[in-house]
């Protein structure tokens, strides 16, 4: 399947520089504009400034975790329709259920493959 995501704006919120850089590199190669944020607080201002099409958010972050960040995005009427995909190294049913409760559209378990990343984007691109 051809992955051409030309012009898609993707936000990656993760406190791991490695994850941010890896995802950013993969997505830029297929034409995405990538906005990165180091945590939920950093992300909230950038969401308003950049209006991304899809948001990937890590769960375990300092200050404002992924659940809180997702809930804040989904509770804002301007951004409630934005697809939010949780990223976590934890794969329990409880974690996934908690993601659903705060409004996450999907849950990717780390380490995820390039294909899993692209499939998730394909599912939610408008």
PDB file of N, CA and C in Angstrom:
ATOM      1  N   UNK A   1       0.835  -1.185   0.000  1.00  0.00           N
ATOM      2  CA  UNK A   1       0.000   0.000   0.000  1.00  0.00           C
ATOM      3  C   UNK A   1       0.881   1.249   0.000  1.00  0.00           C
ATOM      4  N   UNK A   2       0.541   2.180  -0.862  1.00  0.00           N
ATOM      5  CA  UNK A   2       1.325   3.408  -0.972  1.00  0.00           C
ATOM      6  C   UNK A   2       0.935   4.357   0.157  1.00  0.00           C
ATOM      7  N   UNK A   3       1.931   4.816   0.891  1.00  0.00           N
ATOM      8  CA  UNK A   3       1.645   5.760   1.962  1.00  0.00           C
ATOM      9  C   UNK A   3       2.076   7.150   1.529  1.00  0.00           C
ATOM     10  N   UNK A   4       1.126   7.921   1.066  1.00  0.00           N
ATOM     11  CA  UNK A   4       1.413   9.305   0.743  1.00  0.00           C
ATOM     12  C   UNK A   4       0.576  10.170   1.664  1.00  0.00           C
ATOM     13  N   UNK A   5       1.234  10.761   2.620  1.00  0.00           N
ATOM     14  CA  UNK A   5       0.533  11.568   3.608  1.00  0.00           C
ATOM     15  C   UNK A   5       0.845  13.046   3.395  1.00  0.00           C
ATOM     16  N   UNK A   6       1.075  13.410   2.133  1.00  0.00           N
ATOM     17  CA  UNK A   6       1.435  14.779   1.782  1.00  0.00           C
ATOM     18  C   UNK A   6       0.455  15.778   2.393  1.00  0.00           C
ATOM     19  N   UNK A   7       0.998  16.740   3.132  1.00  0.00           N
ATOM     20  CA  UNK A   7       0.159  17.805   3.667  1.00  0.00           C
ATOM     21  C   UNK A   7      -0.548  17.491   4.975  1.00  0.00           C
ATOM     22  N   UNK A   8      -0.443  16.248   5.467  1.00  0.00           N
ATOM     23  CA  UNK A   8      -1.065  15.918   6.756  1.00  0.00           C
ATOM     24  C   UNK A   8      -0.224  16.498   7.884  1.00  0.00           C
ATOM     25  N   UNK A   9      -0.903  17.082   8.858  1.00  0.00           N
ATOM     26  CA  UNK A   9      -0.199  17.606  10.035  1.00  0.00           C
ATOM     27  C   UNK A   9      -0.380  16.618  11.172  1.00  0.00           C
ATOM     28  N   UNK A  10       0.723  16.097  11.654  1.00  0.00           N
ATOM     29  CA  UNK A  10       0.690  15.106  12.729  1.00  0.00           C
ATOM     30  C   UNK A  10       1.425  15.668  13.942  1.00  0.00           C
ATOM     31  N   UNK A  11       0.808  15.550  15.110  1.00  0.00           N
ATOM     32  CA  UNK A  11       1.490  15.966  16.332  1.00  0.00           C
ATOM     33  C   UNK A  11       1.928  14.731  17.109  1.00  0.00           C
ATOM     34  N   UNK A  12       3.155  14.759  17.599  1.00  0.00           N
ATOM     35  CA  UNK A  12       3.691  13.668  18.413  1.00  0.00           C
ATOM     36  C   UNK A  12       4.073  14.251  19.774  1.00  0.00           C
ATOM     37  N   UNK A  13       3.385  13.773  20.820  1.00  0.00           N
ATOM     38  CA  UNK A  13       3.648  14.242  22.180  1.00  0.00           C
ATOM     39  C   UNK A  13       4.285  13.091  22.944  1.00  0.00           C
ATOM     40  N   UNK A  14       5.549  13.244  23.280  1.00  0.00           N
ATOM     41  CA  UNK A  14       6.263  12.177  23.988  1.00  0.00           C
ATOM     42  C   UNK A  14       7.463  12.788  24.689  1.00  0.00           C
ATOM     43  N   UNK A  15       7.694  12.382  25.930  1.00  0.00           N
ATOM     44  CA  UNK A  15       8.846  12.938  26.637  1.00  0.00           C
ATOM     45  C   UNK A  15      10.155  12.264  26.220  1.00  0.00           C
ATOM     46  N   UNK A  16      10.064  11.204  25.418  1.00  0.00           N
ATOM     47  CA  UNK A  16      11.273  10.541  24.918  1.00  0.00           C
ATOM     48  C   UNK A  16      11.724  11.190  23.609  1.00  0.00           C
ATOM     49  N   UNK A  17      12.911  11.756  23.649  1.00  0.00           N
ATOM     50  CA  UNK A  17      13.479  12.398  22.458  1.00  0.00           C
ATOM     51  C   UNK A  17      13.635  11.376  21.336  1.00  0.00           C
ATOM     52  N   UNK A  18      14.005  10.145  21.700  1.00  0.00           N
ATOM     53  CA  UNK A  18      14.194   9.085  20.708  1.00  0.00           C
ATOM     54  C   UNK A  18      12.899   8.792  19.955  1.00  0.00           C
ATOM     55  N   UNK A  19      11.819   8.635  20.700  1.00  0.00           N
ATOM     56  CA  UNK A  19      10.515   8.356  20.058  1.00  0.00           C
ATOM     57  C   UNK A  19      10.120   9.530  19.168  1.00  0.00           C
ATOM     58  N   UNK A  20      10.222  10.739  19.710  1.00  0.00           N
ATOM     59  CA  UNK A  20       9.840  11.925  18.912  1.00  0.00           C
ATOM     60  C   UNK A  20      10.635  11.975  17.617  1.00  0.00           C
ATOM     61  N   UNK A  21      11.942  11.778  17.716  1.00  0.00           N
ATOM     62  CA  UNK A  21      12.794  11.891  16.531  1.00  0.00           C
ATOM     63  C   UNK A  21      12.522  10.764  15.535  1.00  0.00           C
ATOM     64  N   UNK A  22      12.321   9.544  16.030  1.00  0.00           N
ATOM     65  CA  UNK A  22      12.053   8.394  15.155  1.00  0.00           C
ATOM     66  C   UNK A  22      10.756   8.590  14.387  1.00  0.00           C
ATOM     67  N   UNK A  23       9.691   8.936  15.109  1.00  0.00           N
ATOM     68  CA  UNK A  23       8.389   9.118  14.466  1.00  0.00           C
ATOM     69  C   UNK A  23       8.441  10.301  13.498  1.00  0.00           C
ATOM     70  N   UNK A  24       9.080  11.380  13.914  1.00  0.00           N
ATOM     71  CA  UNK A  24       9.188  12.562  13.063  1.00  0.00           C
ATOM     72  C   UNK A  24       9.892  12.228  11.747  1.00  0.00           C
ATOM     73  N   UNK A  25      10.991  11.497  11.826  1.00  0.00           N
ATOM     74  CA  UNK A  25      11.740  11.116  10.624  1.00  0.00           C
ATOM     75  C   UNK A  25      10.893  10.246   9.702  1.00  0.00           C
ATOM     76  N   UNK A  26      10.241   9.226  10.267  1.00  0.00           N
ATOM     77  CA  UNK A  26       9.379   8.338   9.464  1.00  0.00           C
ATOM     78  C   UNK A  26       8.280   9.123   8.756  1.00  0.00           C
ATOM     79  N   UNK A  27       7.647  10.018   9.479  1.00  0.00           N
ATOM     80  CA  UNK A  27       6.506  10.741   8.926  1.00  0.00           C
ATOM     81  C   UNK A  27       6.913  11.809   7.917  1.00  0.00           C
ATOM     82  N   UNK A  28       8.050  12.445   8.155  1.00  0.00           N
ATOM     83  CA  UNK A  28       8.508  13.456   7.191  1.00  0.00           C
ATOM     84  C   UNK A  28       8.856  12.814   5.851  1.00  0.00           C
ATOM     85  N   UNK A  29       9.352  11.579   5.895  1.00  0.00           N
ATOM     86  CA  UNK A  29       9.701  10.862   4.658  1.00  0.00           C
ATOM     87  C   UNK A  29       8.482  10.613   3.774  1.00  0.00           C
ATOM     88  N   UNK A  30       7.291  10.543   4.387  1.00  0.00           N
ATOM     89  CA  UNK A  30       6.074  10.290   3.605  1.00  0.00           C
ATOM     90  C   UNK A  30       5.225  11.556   3.436  1.00  0.00           C
ATOM     91  N   UNK A  31       5.841  12.708   3.676  1.00  0.00           N
ATOM     92  CA  UNK A  31       5.202  13.971   3.341  1.00  0.00           C
ATOM     93  C   UNK A  31       4.425  14.671   4.439  1.00  0.00           C
ATOM     94  N   UNK A  32       4.513  14.162   5.669  1.00  0.00           N
ATOM     95  CA  UNK A  32       3.782  14.810   6.764  1.00  0.00           C
ATOM     96  C   UNK A  32       4.521  16.033   7.272  1.00  0.00           C
ATOM     97  N   UNK A  33       3.733  16.965   7.776  1.00  0.00           N
ATOM     98  CA  UNK A  33       4.302  18.040   8.583  1.00  0.00           C
ATOM     99  C   UNK A  33       4.179  17.544  10.013  1.00  0.00           C
ATOM    100  N   UNK A  34       5.291  17.542  10.763  1.00  0.00           N
ATOM    101  CA  UNK A  34       5.270  16.971  12.109  1.00  0.00           C
ATOM    102  C   UNK A  34       5.520  18.061  13.147  1.00  0.00           C
ATOM    103  N   UNK A  35       4.650  18.105  14.137  1.00  0.00           N
ATOM    104  CA  UNK A  35       4.819  19.020  15.261  1.00  0.00           C
ATOM    105  C   UNK A  35       5.107  18.134  16.466  1.00  0.00           C
ATOM    106  N   UNK A  36       6.165  18.433  17.206  1.00  0.00           N
ATOM    107  CA  UNK A  36       6.467  17.608  18.379  1.00  0.00           C
ATOM    108  C   UNK A  36       6.295  18.434  19.652  1.00  0.00           C
ATOM    109  N   UNK A  37       5.975  17.722  20.718  1.00  0.00           N
ATOM    110  CA  UNK A  37       5.838  18.354  22.027  1.00  0.00           C
ATOM    111  C   UNK A  37       6.398  17.391  23.063  1.00  0.00           C
ATOM    112  N   UNK A  38       6.984  17.953  24.124  1.00  0.00           N
ATOM    113  CA  UNK A  38       7.636  17.090  25.114  1.00  0.00           C
ATOM    114  C   UNK A  38       6.694  16.629  26.219  1.00  0.00           C
ATOM    115  N   UNK A  39       5.550  17.320  26.378  1.00  0.00           N
ATOM    116  CA  UNK A  39       4.558  16.860  27.354  1.00  0.00           C
ATOM    117  C   UNK A  39       3.224  17.542  27.062  1.00  0.00           C
ATOM    118  N   UNK A  40       2.229  17.241  27.868  1.00  0.00           N
ATOM    119  CA  UNK A  40       0.889  17.764  27.632  1.00  0.00           C
ATOM    120  C   UNK A  40       0.800  19.279  27.652  1.00  0.00           C
ATOM    121  N   UNK A  41       1.513  19.912  28.605  1.00  0.00           N
ATOM    122  CA  UNK A  41       1.468  21.376  28.667  1.00  0.00           C
ATOM    123  C   UNK A  41       2.041  21.992  27.404  1.00  0.00           C
ATOM    124  N   UNK A  42       3.174  21.463  26.974  1.00  0.00           N
ATOM    125  CA  UNK A  42       3.845  21.928  25.759  1.00  0.00           C
ATOM    126  C   UNK A  42       2.898  21.737  24.564  1.00  0.00           C
ATOM    127  N   UNK A  43       2.182  20.617  24.563  1.00  0.00           N
ATOM    128  CA  UNK A  43       1.310  20.267  23.429  1.00  0.00           C
ATOM    129  C   UNK A  43       0.099  21.173  23.303  1.00  0.00           C
ATOM    130  N   UNK A  44      -0.508  21.534  24.418  1.00  0.00           N
ATOM    131  CA  UNK A  44      -1.779  22.256  24.352  1.00  0.00           C
ATOM    132  C   UNK A  44      -1.664  23.570  23.587  1.00  0.00           C
ATOM    133  N   UNK A  45      -0.607  24.332  23.842  1.00  0.00           N
ATOM    134  CA  UNK A  45      -0.407  25.591  23.110  1.00  0.00           C
ATOM    135  C   UNK A  45      -0.129  25.317  21.640  1.00  0.00           C
ATOM    136  N   UNK A  46       0.641  24.267  21.370  1.00  0.00           N
ATOM    137  CA  UNK A  46       0.994  23.950  19.983  1.00  0.00           C
ATOM    138  C   UNK A  46      -0.211  23.449  19.186  1.00  0.00           C
ATOM    139  N   UNK A  47      -1.153  22.789  19.846  1.00  0.00           N
ATOM    140  CA  UNK A  47      -2.368  22.325  19.161  1.00  0.00           C
ATOM    141  C   UNK A  47      -3.155  23.540  18.670  1.00  0.00           C
ATOM    142  N   UNK A  48      -3.281  24.543  19.532  1.00  0.00           N
ATOM    143  CA  UNK A  48      -4.004  25.762  19.158  1.00  0.00           C
ATOM    144  C   UNK A  48      -3.294  26.459  17.993  1.00  0.00           C
ATOM    145  N   UNK A  49      -1.961  26.537  18.061  1.00  0.00           N
ATOM    146  CA  UNK A  49      -1.191  27.232  17.007  1.00  0.00           C
ATOM    147  C   UNK A  49      -1.176  26.486  15.679  1.00  0.00           C
ATOM    148  N   UNK A  50      -1.136  25.145  15.728  1.00  0.00           N
ATOM    149  CA  UNK A  50      -0.896  24.350  14.515  1.00  0.00           C
ATOM    150  C   UNK A  50      -2.090  23.575  13.983  1.00  0.00           C
ATOM    151  N   UNK A  51      -3.104  23.351  14.824  1.00  0.00           N
ATOM    152  CA  UNK A  51      -4.297  22.602  14.433  1.00  0.00           C
ATOM    153  C   UNK A  51      -3.962  21.302  13.687  1.00  0.00           C
ATOM    154  N   UNK A  52      -3.292  20.356  14.362  1.00  0.00           N
ATOM    155  CA  UNK A  52      -2.894  19.106  13.688  1.00  0.00           C
ATOM    156  C   UNK A  52      -4.101  18.249  13.286  1.00  0.00           C
ATOM    157  N   UNK A  53      -3.891  17.382  12.273  1.00  0.00           N
ATOM    158  CA  UNK A  53      -4.952  16.480  11.806  1.00  0.00           C
ATOM    159  C   UNK A  53      -5.095  15.264  12.708  1.00  0.00           C
ATOM    160  N   UNK A  54      -3.962  14.766  13.208  1.00  0.00           N
ATOM    161  CA  UNK A  54      -3.949  13.570  14.061  1.00  0.00           C
ATOM    162  C   UNK A  54      -2.935  13.817  15.175  1.00  0.00           C
ATOM    163  N   UNK A  55      -3.259  13.356  16.388  1.00  0.00           N
ATOM    164  CA  UNK A  55      -2.381  13.564  17.533  1.00  0.00           C
ATOM    165  C   UNK A  55      -2.004  12.211  18.137  1.00  0.00           C
ATOM    166  N   UNK A  56      -0.695  11.984  18.264  1.00  0.00           N
ATOM    167  CA  UNK A  56      -0.179  10.805  18.974  1.00  0.00           C
ATOM    168  C   UNK A  56       0.298  11.283  20.335  1.00  0.00           C
ATOM    169  N   UNK A  57      -0.138  10.611  21.402  1.00  0.00           N
ATOM    170  CA  UNK A  57       0.268  11.055  22.740  1.00  0.00           C
ATOM    171  C   UNK A  57       0.728   9.873  23.585  1.00  0.00           C
ATOM    172  N   UNK A  58       1.919  10.032  24.154  1.00  0.00           N
ATOM    173  CA  UNK A  58       2.473   9.042  25.071  1.00  0.00           C
ATOM    174  C   UNK A  58       1.681   9.112  26.377  1.00  0.00           C
ATOM    175  N   UNK A  59       1.539   7.990  27.062  1.00  0.00           N
ATOM    176  CA  UNK A  59       0.791   8.006  28.315  1.00  0.00           C
ATOM    177  C   UNK A  59       1.652   8.462  29.481  1.00  0.00           C
ATOM    178  N   UNK A  60       2.828   7.873  29.619  1.00  0.00           N
ATOM    179  CA  UNK A  60       3.670   8.173  30.774  1.00  0.00           C
ATOM    180  C   UNK A  60       4.540   9.402  30.502  1.00  0.00           C
ATOM    181  N   UNK A  61       4.086  10.559  31.000  1.00  0.00           N
ATOM    182  CA  UNK A  61       4.857  11.796  30.846  1.00  0.00           C
ATOM    183  C   UNK A  61       4.786  12.578  32.148  1.00  0.00           C
ATOM    184  N   UNK A  62       5.816  13.379  32.399  1.00  0.00           N
ATOM    185  CA  UNK A  62       5.779  14.221  33.608  1.00  0.00           C
ATOM    186  C   UNK A  62       4.764  15.355  33.440  1.00  0.00           C
ATOM    187  N   UNK A  63       4.408  15.987  34.527  1.00  0.00           N
ATOM    188  CA  UNK A  63       3.515  17.156  34.581  1.00  0.00           C
ATOM    189  C   UNK A  63       2.082  16.852  34.181  1.00  0.00           C
ATOM    190  N   UNK A  64       1.852  16.499  32.915  1.00  0.00           N
ATOM    191  CA  UNK A  64       0.496  16.227  32.441  1.00  0.00           C
ATOM    192  C   UNK A  64       0.591  14.939  31.639  1.00  0.00           C
ATOM    193  N   UNK A  65       0.018  13.844  32.147  1.00  0.00           N
ATOM    194  CA  UNK A  65       0.187  12.563  31.440  1.00  0.00           C
ATOM    195  C   UNK A  65      -0.722  12.468  30.219  1.00  0.00           C
ATOM    196  N   UNK A  66      -0.593  11.386  29.489  1.00  0.00           N
ATOM    197  CA  UNK A  66      -1.335  11.220  28.245  1.00  0.00           C
ATOM    198  C   UNK A  66      -2.839  11.164  28.428  1.00  0.00           C
ATOM    199  N   UNK A  67      -3.283  10.552  29.529  1.00  0.00           N
ATOM    200  CA  UNK A  67      -4.723  10.485  29.786  1.00  0.00           C
ATOM    201  C   UNK A  67      -5.293  11.883  30.009  1.00  0.00           C
ATOM    202  N   UNK A  68      -4.588  12.670  30.841  1.00  0.00           N
ATOM    203  CA  UNK A  68      -5.047  14.030  31.130  1.00  0.00           C
ATOM    204  C   UNK A  68      -5.016  14.891  29.864  1.00  0.00           C
ATOM    205  N   UNK A  69      -3.947  14.728  29.087  1.00  0.00           N
ATOM    206  CA  UNK A  69      -3.808  15.502  27.851  1.00  0.00           C
ATOM    207  C   UNK A  69      -4.938  15.164  26.884  1.00  0.00           C
ATOM    208  N   UNK A  70      -5.202  13.873  26.711  1.00  0.00           N
ATOM    209  CA  UNK A  70      -6.268  13.424  25.810  1.00  0.00           C
ATOM    210  C   UNK A  70      -7.620  13.973  26.277  1.00  0.00           C
ATOM    211  N   UNK A  71      -7.891  13.893  27.572  1.00  0.00           N
ATOM    212  CA  UNK A  71      -9.161  14.385  28.110  1.00  0.00           C
ATOM    213  C   UNK A  71      -9.323  15.881  27.836  1.00  0.00           C
ATOM    214  N   UNK A  72      -8.253  16.647  28.011  1.00  0.00           N
ATOM    215  CA  UNK A  72      -8.312  18.088  27.760  1.00  0.00           C
ATOM    216  C   UNK A  72      -8.590  18.383  26.286  1.00  0.00           C
ATOM    217  N   UNK A  73      -7.963  17.629  25.390  1.00  0.00           N
ATOM    218  CA  UNK A  73      -8.183  17.818  23.947  1.00  0.00           C
ATOM    219  C   UNK A  73      -9.637  17.485  23.611  1.00  0.00           C
ATOM    220  N   UNK A  74     -10.098  16.331  24.077  1.00  0.00           N
ATOM    221  CA  UNK A  74     -11.442  15.854  23.725  1.00  0.00           C
ATOM    222  C   UNK A  74     -12.555  16.681  24.376  1.00  0.00           C
ATOM    223  N   UNK A  75     -12.244  17.358  25.486  1.00  0.00           N
ATOM    224  CA  UNK A  75     -13.258  18.189  26.149  1.00  0.00           C
ATOM    225  C   UNK A  75     -13.349  19.592  25.555  1.00  0.00           C
ATOM    226  N   UNK A  76     -12.463  19.913  24.624  1.00  0.00           N
ATOM    227  CA  UNK A  76     -12.501  21.213  23.963  1.00  0.00           C
ATOM    228  C   UNK A  76     -13.296  21.052  22.662  1.00  0.00           C
ATOM    229  N   UNK A  77     -14.428  21.750  22.542  1.00  0.00           N
ATOM    230  CA  UNK A  77     -15.286  21.561  21.353  1.00  0.00           C
ATOM    231  C   UNK A  77     -14.560  21.799  20.018  1.00  0.00           C
ATOM    232  N   UNK A  78     -13.539  22.655  20.022  1.00  0.00           N
ATOM    233  CA  UNK A  78     -12.797  22.924  18.779  1.00  0.00           C
ATOM    234  C   UNK A  78     -11.944  21.733  18.340  1.00  0.00           C
ATOM    235  N   UNK A  79     -11.578  20.869  19.304  1.00  0.00           N
ATOM    236  CA  UNK A  79     -10.637  19.784  18.995  1.00  0.00           C
ATOM    237  C   UNK A  79     -11.194  18.393  19.298  1.00  0.00           C
ATOM    238  N   UNK A  80     -12.451  18.323  19.745  1.00  0.00           N
ATOM    239  CA  UNK A  80     -13.037  17.039  20.153  1.00  0.00           C
ATOM    240  C   UNK A  80     -13.038  16.011  19.023  1.00  0.00           C
ATOM    241  N   UNK A  81     -13.085  16.479  17.771  1.00  0.00           N
ATOM    242  CA  UNK A  81     -13.114  15.557  16.628  1.00  0.00           C
ATOM    243  C   UNK A  81     -11.737  15.097  16.184  1.00  0.00           C
ATOM    244  N   UNK A  82     -10.684  15.671  16.763  1.00  0.00           N
ATOM    245  CA  UNK A  82      -9.324  15.282  16.355  1.00  0.00           C
ATOM    246  C   UNK A  82      -9.048  13.856  16.807  1.00  0.00           C
ATOM    247  N   UNK A  83      -8.555  13.012  15.907  1.00  0.00           N
ATOM    248  CA  UNK A  83      -8.165  11.665  16.347  1.00  0.00           C
ATOM    249  C   UNK A  83      -6.966  11.743  17.290  1.00  0.00           C
ATOM    250  N   UNK A  84      -7.102  11.107  18.446  1.00  0.00           N
ATOM    251  CA  UNK A  84      -6.003  11.036  19.408  1.00  0.00           C
ATOM    252  C   UNK A  84      -5.638   9.571  19.572  1.00  0.00           C
ATOM    253  N   UNK A  85      -4.367   9.252  19.312  1.00  0.00           N
ATOM    254  CA  UNK A  85      -3.884   7.874  19.404  1.00  0.00           C
ATOM    255  C   UNK A  85      -2.873   7.796  20.545  1.00  0.00           C
ATOM    256  N   UNK A  86      -3.193   6.979  21.534  1.00  0.00           N
ATOM    257  CA  UNK A  86      -2.323   6.823  22.697  1.00  0.00           C
ATOM    258  C   UNK A  86      -1.137   5.930  22.346  1.00  0.00           C
ATOM    259  N   UNK A  87       0.015   6.268  22.908  1.00  0.00           N
ATOM    260  CA  UNK A  87       1.225   5.453  22.746  1.00  0.00           C
ATOM    261  C   UNK A  87       1.645   4.991  24.135  1.00  0.00           C
ATOM    262  N   UNK A  88       1.865   3.704  24.290  1.00  0.00           N
ATOM    263  CA  UNK A  88       2.297   3.233  25.602  1.00  0.00           C
ATOM    264  C   UNK A  88       3.059   1.932  25.515  1.00  0.00           C
ATOM    265  N   UNK A  89       3.972   1.762  26.458  1.00  0.00           N
ATOM    266  CA  UNK A  89       4.675   0.484  26.537  1.00  0.00           C
ATOM    267  C   UNK A  89       3.848  -0.497  27.369  1.00  0.00           C
ATOM    268  N   UNK A  90       2.791   0.005  28.005  1.00  0.00           N
ATOM    269  CA  UNK A  90       1.921  -0.867  28.792  1.00  0.00           C
ATOM    270  C   UNK A  90       0.780  -1.356  27.916  1.00  0.00           C
ATOM    271  N   UNK A  91       0.524  -2.655  27.979  1.00  0.00           N
ATOM    272  CA  UNK A  91      -0.419  -3.264  27.046  1.00  0.00           C
ATOM    273  C   UNK A  91      -1.602  -3.906  27.768  1.00  0.00           C
ATOM    274  N   UNK A  92      -1.915  -3.427  28.975  1.00  0.00           N
ATOM    275  CA  UNK A  92      -2.982  -4.102  29.715  1.00  0.00           C
ATOM    276  C   UNK A  92      -4.355  -3.619  29.267  1.00  0.00           C
ATOM    277  N   UNK A  93      -5.336  -4.457  29.501  1.00  0.00           N
ATOM    278  CA  UNK A  93      -6.717  -4.125  29.191  1.00  0.00           C
ATOM    279  C   UNK A  93      -7.147  -2.873  29.953  1.00  0.00           C
ATOM    280  N   UNK A  94      -6.669  -2.764  31.194  1.00  0.00           N
ATOM    281  CA  UNK A  94      -7.002  -1.612  32.028  1.00  0.00           C
ATOM    282  C   UNK A  94      -6.506  -0.318  31.383  1.00  0.00           C
ATOM    283  N   UNK A  95      -5.260  -0.329  30.901  1.00  0.00           N
ATOM    284  CA  UNK A  95      -4.695   0.875  30.282  1.00  0.00           C
ATOM    285  C   UNK A  95      -5.481   1.260  29.031  1.00  0.00           C
ATOM    286  N   UNK A  96      -5.820   0.252  28.232  1.00  0.00           N
ATOM    287  CA  UNK A  96      -6.579   0.517  27.007  1.00  0.00           C
ATOM    288  C   UNK A  96      -7.974   1.051  27.331  1.00  0.00           C
ATOM    289  N   UNK A  97      -8.604   0.467  28.347  1.00  0.00           N
ATOM    290  CA  UNK A  97      -9.947   0.915  28.753  1.00  0.00           C
ATOM    291  C   UNK A  97      -9.879   2.349  29.254  1.00  0.00           C
ATOM    292  N   UNK A  98      -8.846   2.655  30.011  1.00  0.00           N
ATOM    293  CA  UNK A  98      -8.698   4.008  30.539  1.00  0.00           C
ATOM    294  C   UNK A  98      -8.505   5.007  29.388  1.00  0.00           C
ATOM    295  N   UNK A  99      -7.782   4.574  28.354  1.00  0.00           N
ATOM    296  CA  UNK A  99      -7.603   5.413  27.167  1.00  0.00           C
ATOM    297  C   UNK A  99      -8.934   5.703  26.496  1.00  0.00           C
ATOM    298  N   UNK A 100      -9.773   4.681  26.391  1.00  0.00           N
ATOM    299  CA  UNK A 100     -11.108   4.852  25.787  1.00  0.00           C
ATOM    300  C   UNK A 100     -11.967   5.817  26.611  1.00  0.00           C
ATOM    301  N   UNK A 101     -11.876   5.693  27.935  1.00  0.00           N
ATOM    302  CA  UNK A 101     -12.683   6.532  28.825  1.00  0.00           C
ATOM    303  C   UNK A 101     -12.369   8.018  28.610  1.00  0.00           C
ATOM    304  N   UNK A 102     -11.102   8.346  28.404  1.00  0.00           N
ATOM    305  CA  UNK A 102     -10.746   9.762  28.201  1.00  0.00           C
ATOM    306  C   UNK A 102     -10.919  10.195  26.750  1.00  0.00           C
ATOM    307  N   UNK A 103     -11.383   9.268  25.897  1.00  0.00           N
ATOM    308  CA  UNK A 103     -11.725   9.647  24.533  1.00  0.00           C
ATOM    309  C   UNK A 103     -10.716   9.282  23.461  1.00  0.00           C
ATOM    310  N   UNK A 104      -9.687   8.510  23.814  1.00  0.00           N
ATOM    311  CA  UNK A 104      -8.693   8.125  22.807  1.00  0.00           C
ATOM    312  C   UNK A 104      -9.355   7.316  21.695  1.00  0.00           C
ATOM    313  N   UNK A 105      -8.924   7.555  20.469  1.00  0.00           N
ATOM    314  CA  UNK A 105      -9.497   6.840  19.326  1.00  0.00           C
ATOM    315  C   UNK A 105      -8.812   5.499  19.107  1.00  0.00           C
ATOM    316  N   UNK A 106      -7.570   5.407  19.531  1.00  0.00           N
ATOM    317  CA  UNK A 106      -6.822   4.171  19.325  1.00  0.00           C
ATOM    318  C   UNK A 106      -5.678   4.112  20.324  1.00  0.00           C
ATOM    319  N   UNK A 107      -5.054   2.929  20.405  1.00  0.00           N
ATOM    320  CA  UNK A 107      -4.011   2.688  21.383  1.00  0.00           C
ATOM    321  C   UNK A 107      -2.924   1.881  20.690  1.00  0.00           C
ATOM    322  N   UNK A 108      -1.742   2.443  20.544  1.00  0.00           N
ATOM    323  CA  UNK A 108      -0.617   1.702  19.951  1.00  0.00           C
ATOM    324  C   UNK A 108       0.369   1.348  21.050  1.00  0.00           C
ATOM    325  N   UNK A 109       0.797   0.103  21.063  1.00  0.00           N
ATOM    326  CA  UNK A 109       1.747  -0.339  22.080  1.00  0.00           C
ATOM    327  C   UNK A 109       3.171  -0.208  21.552  1.00  0.00           C
ATOM    328  N   UNK A 110       4.040   0.397  22.370  1.00  0.00           N
ATOM    329  CA  UNK A 110       5.458   0.513  22.010  1.00  0.00           C
ATOM    330  C   UNK A 110       6.137  -0.812  22.297  1.00  0.00           C
ATOM    331  N   UNK A 111       7.118  -1.229  21.538  1.00  0.00           N
ATOM    332  CA  UNK A 111       7.544  -0.566  20.304  1.00  0.00           C
ATOM    333  C   UNK A 111       6.582  -0.906  19.173  1.00  0.00           C
ATOM    334  N   UNK A 112       6.151   0.093  18.429  1.00  0.00           N
ATOM    335  CA  UNK A 112       5.255  -0.149  17.300  1.00  0.00           C
ATOM    336  C   UNK A 112       6.076  -0.113  16.020  1.00  0.00           C
ATOM    337  N   UNK A 113       5.563  -0.780  14.989  1.00  0.00           N
ATOM    338  CA  UNK A 113       6.289  -0.819  13.717  1.00  0.00           C
ATOM    339  C   UNK A 113       5.881   0.369  12.860  1.00  0.00           C
ATOM    340  N   UNK A 114       6.667   0.624  11.846  1.00  0.00           N
ATOM    341  CA  UNK A 114       6.352   1.672  10.878  1.00  0.00           C
ATOM    342  C   UNK A 114       4.979   1.395  10.265  1.00  0.00           C
ATOM    343  N   UNK A 115       4.705   0.112   9.936  1.00  0.00           N
ATOM    344  CA  UNK A 115       3.421  -0.255   9.337  1.00  0.00           C
ATOM    345  C   UNK A 115       2.248   0.051  10.270  1.00  0.00           C
ATOM    346  N   UNK A 116       2.421  -0.249  11.560  1.00  0.00           N
ATOM    347  CA  UNK A 116       1.342   0.029  12.524  1.00  0.00           C
ATOM    348  C   UNK A 116       1.073   1.536  12.605  1.00  0.00           C
ATOM    349  N   UNK A 117       2.136   2.300  12.571  1.00  0.00           N
ATOM    350  CA  UNK A 117       2.014   3.759  12.614  1.00  0.00           C
ATOM    351  C   UNK A 117       1.250   4.264  11.389  1.00  0.00           C
ATOM    352  N   UNK A 118       1.665   3.798  10.201  1.00  0.00           N
ATOM    353  CA  UNK A 118       1.023   4.231   8.955  1.00  0.00           C
ATOM    354  C   UNK A 118      -0.430   3.766   8.872  1.00  0.00           C
ATOM    355  N   UNK A 119      -0.703   2.526   9.353  1.00  0.00           N
ATOM    356  CA  UNK A 119      -2.078   2.023   9.331  1.00  0.00           C
ATOM    357  C   UNK A 119      -2.982   2.884  10.204  1.00  0.00           C
ATOM    358  N   UNK A 120      -2.471   3.278  11.369  1.00  0.00           N
ATOM    359  CA  UNK A 120      -3.261   4.126  12.272  1.00  0.00           C
ATOM    360  C   UNK A 120      -3.563   5.466  11.597  1.00  0.00           C
ATOM    361  N   UNK A 121      -2.579   6.044  10.934  1.00  0.00           N
ATOM    362  CA  UNK A 121      -2.789   7.327  10.243  1.00  0.00           C
ATOM    363  C   UNK A 121      -3.809   7.147   9.126  1.00  0.00           C
ATOM    364  N   UNK A 122      -3.678   6.064   8.363  1.00  0.00           N
ATOM    365  CA  UNK A 122      -4.623   5.809   7.271  1.00  0.00           C
ATOM    366  C   UNK A 122      -6.064   5.695   7.760  1.00  0.00           C
ATOM    367  N   UNK A 123      -6.237   5.116   8.951  1.00  0.00           N
ATOM    368  CA  UNK A 123      -7.589   4.945   9.493  1.00  0.00           C
ATOM    369  C   UNK A 123      -8.233   6.285   9.847  1.00  0.00           C
ATOM    370  N   UNK A 124      -7.407   7.259  10.214  1.00  0.00           N
ATOM    371  CA  UNK A 124      -7.978   8.506  10.755  1.00  0.00           C
ATOM    372  C   UNK A 124      -7.783   9.742   9.883  1.00  0.00           C
ATOM    373  N   UNK A 125      -7.106   9.590   8.755  1.00  0.00           N
ATOM    374  CA  UNK A 125      -6.947  10.778   7.915  1.00  0.00           C
ATOM    375  C   UNK A 125      -8.297  11.124   7.301  1.00  0.00           C
ATOM    376  N   UNK A 126      -8.566  12.401   7.175  1.00  0.00           N
ATOM    377  CA  UNK A 126      -9.902  12.780   6.677  1.00  0.00           C
ATOM    378  C   UNK A 126      -9.945  12.811   5.162  1.00  0.00           C
TER     379      UNK A 126
END
